[in-house]
Amino acid sequence: MIIVGLAYFFLYNPGTTITPVAVVMPSGVASNTNLNFQPSTITVVIGVNNTVVWTNKDTTAHTVVNATAPVAFGSATSLIAAGQPFSYTFTVPGTYNYFCNLHPTNMKGTVIVKAHA
């Protein structure tokens, strides 16, 4: 009877679906210092939309590295090639400032992570 109950639970209660948040590295961001991650600041909620997907729409490789964070993410040496994504799922509330290690002057962003209410 327990197995039937568990099967019913998983069949009819699939759980929460986490909706990813998109951040784009726009075309020309490497050479145009007026461009930045778009959007440059986002707010996510753990268990709701705490996976962020950065997509490189530029023709130049980029990185995503946190400058300050409760938990480190990204890599200064892992290049995100043109057209490729990088994703990270945040699990600890806090403010995460990040940047592109190759273009740190103009490519900066912030992810604000909030606990689920």
Protein backbone atom coordinates (compact mmCIF):
# COMPACT_ATOMS: atom_id res chain seq x y z
CA MET A 1 0.00 0.00 0.00
CA ILE A 2 2.90 2.36 0.71
CA ILE A 3 4.30 1.85 -2.79
CA VAL A 4 0.92 2.68 -4.34
CA GLY A 5 0.72 5.83 -2.20
CA LEU A 6 4.19 6.95 -3.23
CA ALA A 7 3.46 6.25 -6.88
CA TYR A 8 0.28 8.35 -6.65
CA PHE A 9 2.18 11.17 -4.92
CA PHE A 10 4.90 11.37 -7.57
CA LEU A 11 2.46 10.93 -10.45
CA TYR A 12 0.01 13.63 -9.36
CA ASN A 13 2.30 15.91 -7.34
CA PRO A 14 5.38 16.44 -9.52
CA GLY A 15 6.70 19.19 -7.25
CA THR A 16 7.80 22.70 -7.90
CA THR A 17 9.10 23.63 -11.31
CA ILE A 18 11.99 26.07 -11.14
CA THR A 19 11.85 28.65 -13.89
CA PRO A 20 15.33 29.75 -14.98
CA VAL A 21 16.17 33.46 -15.25
CA ALA A 22 17.95 34.55 -18.43
CA VAL A 23 20.87 36.98 -18.54
CA VAL A 24 22.41 37.88 -21.90
CA MET A 25 25.91 38.98 -22.86
CA PRO A 26 24.82 41.13 -25.81
CA SER A 27 26.53 41.36 -29.17
CA GLY A 28 29.35 43.89 -29.06
CA VAL A 29 29.70 43.93 -25.26
CA ALA A 30 33.43 43.16 -25.46
CA SER A 31 34.21 46.26 -27.52
CA ASN A 32 31.45 48.67 -26.40
CA THR A 33 31.97 49.80 -22.81
CA ASN A 34 28.41 51.18 -22.74
CA LEU A 35 27.05 47.63 -22.88
CA ASN A 36 26.78 45.21 -19.95
CA PHE A 37 25.10 41.98 -18.88
CA GLN A 38 21.37 42.35 -19.65
CA PRO A 39 19.76 42.71 -17.21
CA SER A 40 22.67 43.68 -15.00
CA THR A 41 20.74 43.18 -11.74
CA ILE A 42 18.27 40.39 -11.09
CA THR A 43 16.43 39.06 -8.05
CA VAL A 44 15.70 35.35 -7.67
CA VAL A 45 13.89 33.30 -5.03
CA ILE A 46 15.20 29.91 -3.89
CA GLY A 47 12.89 27.14 -5.10
CA VAL A 48 11.07 29.41 -7.54
CA ASN A 49 13.53 30.87 -10.06
CA ASN A 50 16.97 30.41 -8.52
CA THR A 51 18.68 29.00 -11.61
CA VAL A 52 20.30 31.70 -13.74
CA VAL A 53 21.36 31.03 -17.33
CA TRP A 54 23.87 33.44 -18.85
CA THR A 55 23.98 33.23 -22.66
CA ASN A 56 26.81 34.67 -24.69
CA LYS A 57 25.31 36.48 -27.72
CA ASP A 58 28.63 38.19 -28.44
CA THR A 59 31.28 37.00 -30.91
CA THR A 60 33.95 37.02 -28.16
CA ALA A 61 34.33 34.58 -25.27
CA HIS A 62 33.40 35.76 -21.76
CA THR A 63 33.42 34.49 -18.17
CA VAL A 64 31.09 34.79 -15.20
CA VAL A 65 32.91 35.08 -11.87
CA ASN A 66 31.57 36.29 -8.54
CA ALA A 67 33.34 39.20 -6.88
CA THR A 68 31.63 38.85 -3.51
CA ALA A 69 29.30 36.10 -2.48
CA PRO A 70 28.14 33.86 0.31
CA VAL A 71 29.08 30.96 -1.99
CA ALA A 72 31.59 31.09 -4.85
CA PHE A 73 30.43 30.42 -8.41
CA GLY A 74 31.80 30.74 -11.91
CA SER A 75 35.38 30.53 -13.07
CA ALA A 76 37.94 33.03 -14.32
CA THR A 77 39.39 30.37 -16.62
CA SER A 78 36.23 28.66 -17.95
CA LEU A 79 35.43 30.59 -21.11
CA ILE A 80 31.85 30.83 -22.33
CA ALA A 81 32.17 30.69 -26.11
CA ALA A 82 29.98 32.70 -28.50
CA GLY A 83 26.46 31.30 -28.55
CA GLN A 84 27.01 29.13 -25.47
CA PRO A 85 25.27 29.23 -22.07
CA PHE A 86 26.50 28.97 -18.50
CA SER A 87 24.08 28.22 -15.68
CA TYR A 88 24.23 28.25 -11.91
CA THR A 89 21.60 27.38 -9.31
CA PHE A 90 21.75 29.57 -6.22
CA THR A 91 20.93 27.84 -2.93
CA VAL A 92 22.10 30.36 -0.33
CA PRO A 93 20.40 33.76 0.13
CA GLY A 94 22.56 36.84 -0.31
CA THR A 95 23.88 39.36 -2.79
CA TYR A 96 26.26 38.02 -5.43
CA ASN A 97 28.27 40.55 -7.43
CA TYR A 98 29.84 39.05 -10.54
CA PHE A 99 31.90 40.16 -13.54
CA CYS A 100 33.56 38.97 -16.74
CA ASN A 101 37.22 38.32 -15.95
CA LEU A 102 38.19 39.33 -19.52
CA HIS A 103 36.20 42.61 -19.50
CA PRO A 104 35.92 43.59 -15.81
CA THR A 105 35.56 47.33 -16.40
CA ASN A 106 32.14 47.25 -18.05
CA MET A 107 30.80 43.72 -17.62
CA LYS A 108 29.48 43.60 -14.06
CA GLY A 109 26.25 42.27 -12.60
CA THR A 110 24.41 41.44 -9.40
CA VAL A 111 22.18 38.53 -8.42
CA ILE A 112 20.08 39.08 -5.29
CA VAL A 113 18.98 35.72 -3.87
CA LYS A 114 16.06 35.62 -1.47
CA ALA A 115 14.81 32.74 0.66
CA HIS A 116 11.45 31.23 -0.28
CA ALA A 117 8.72 32.57 2.00
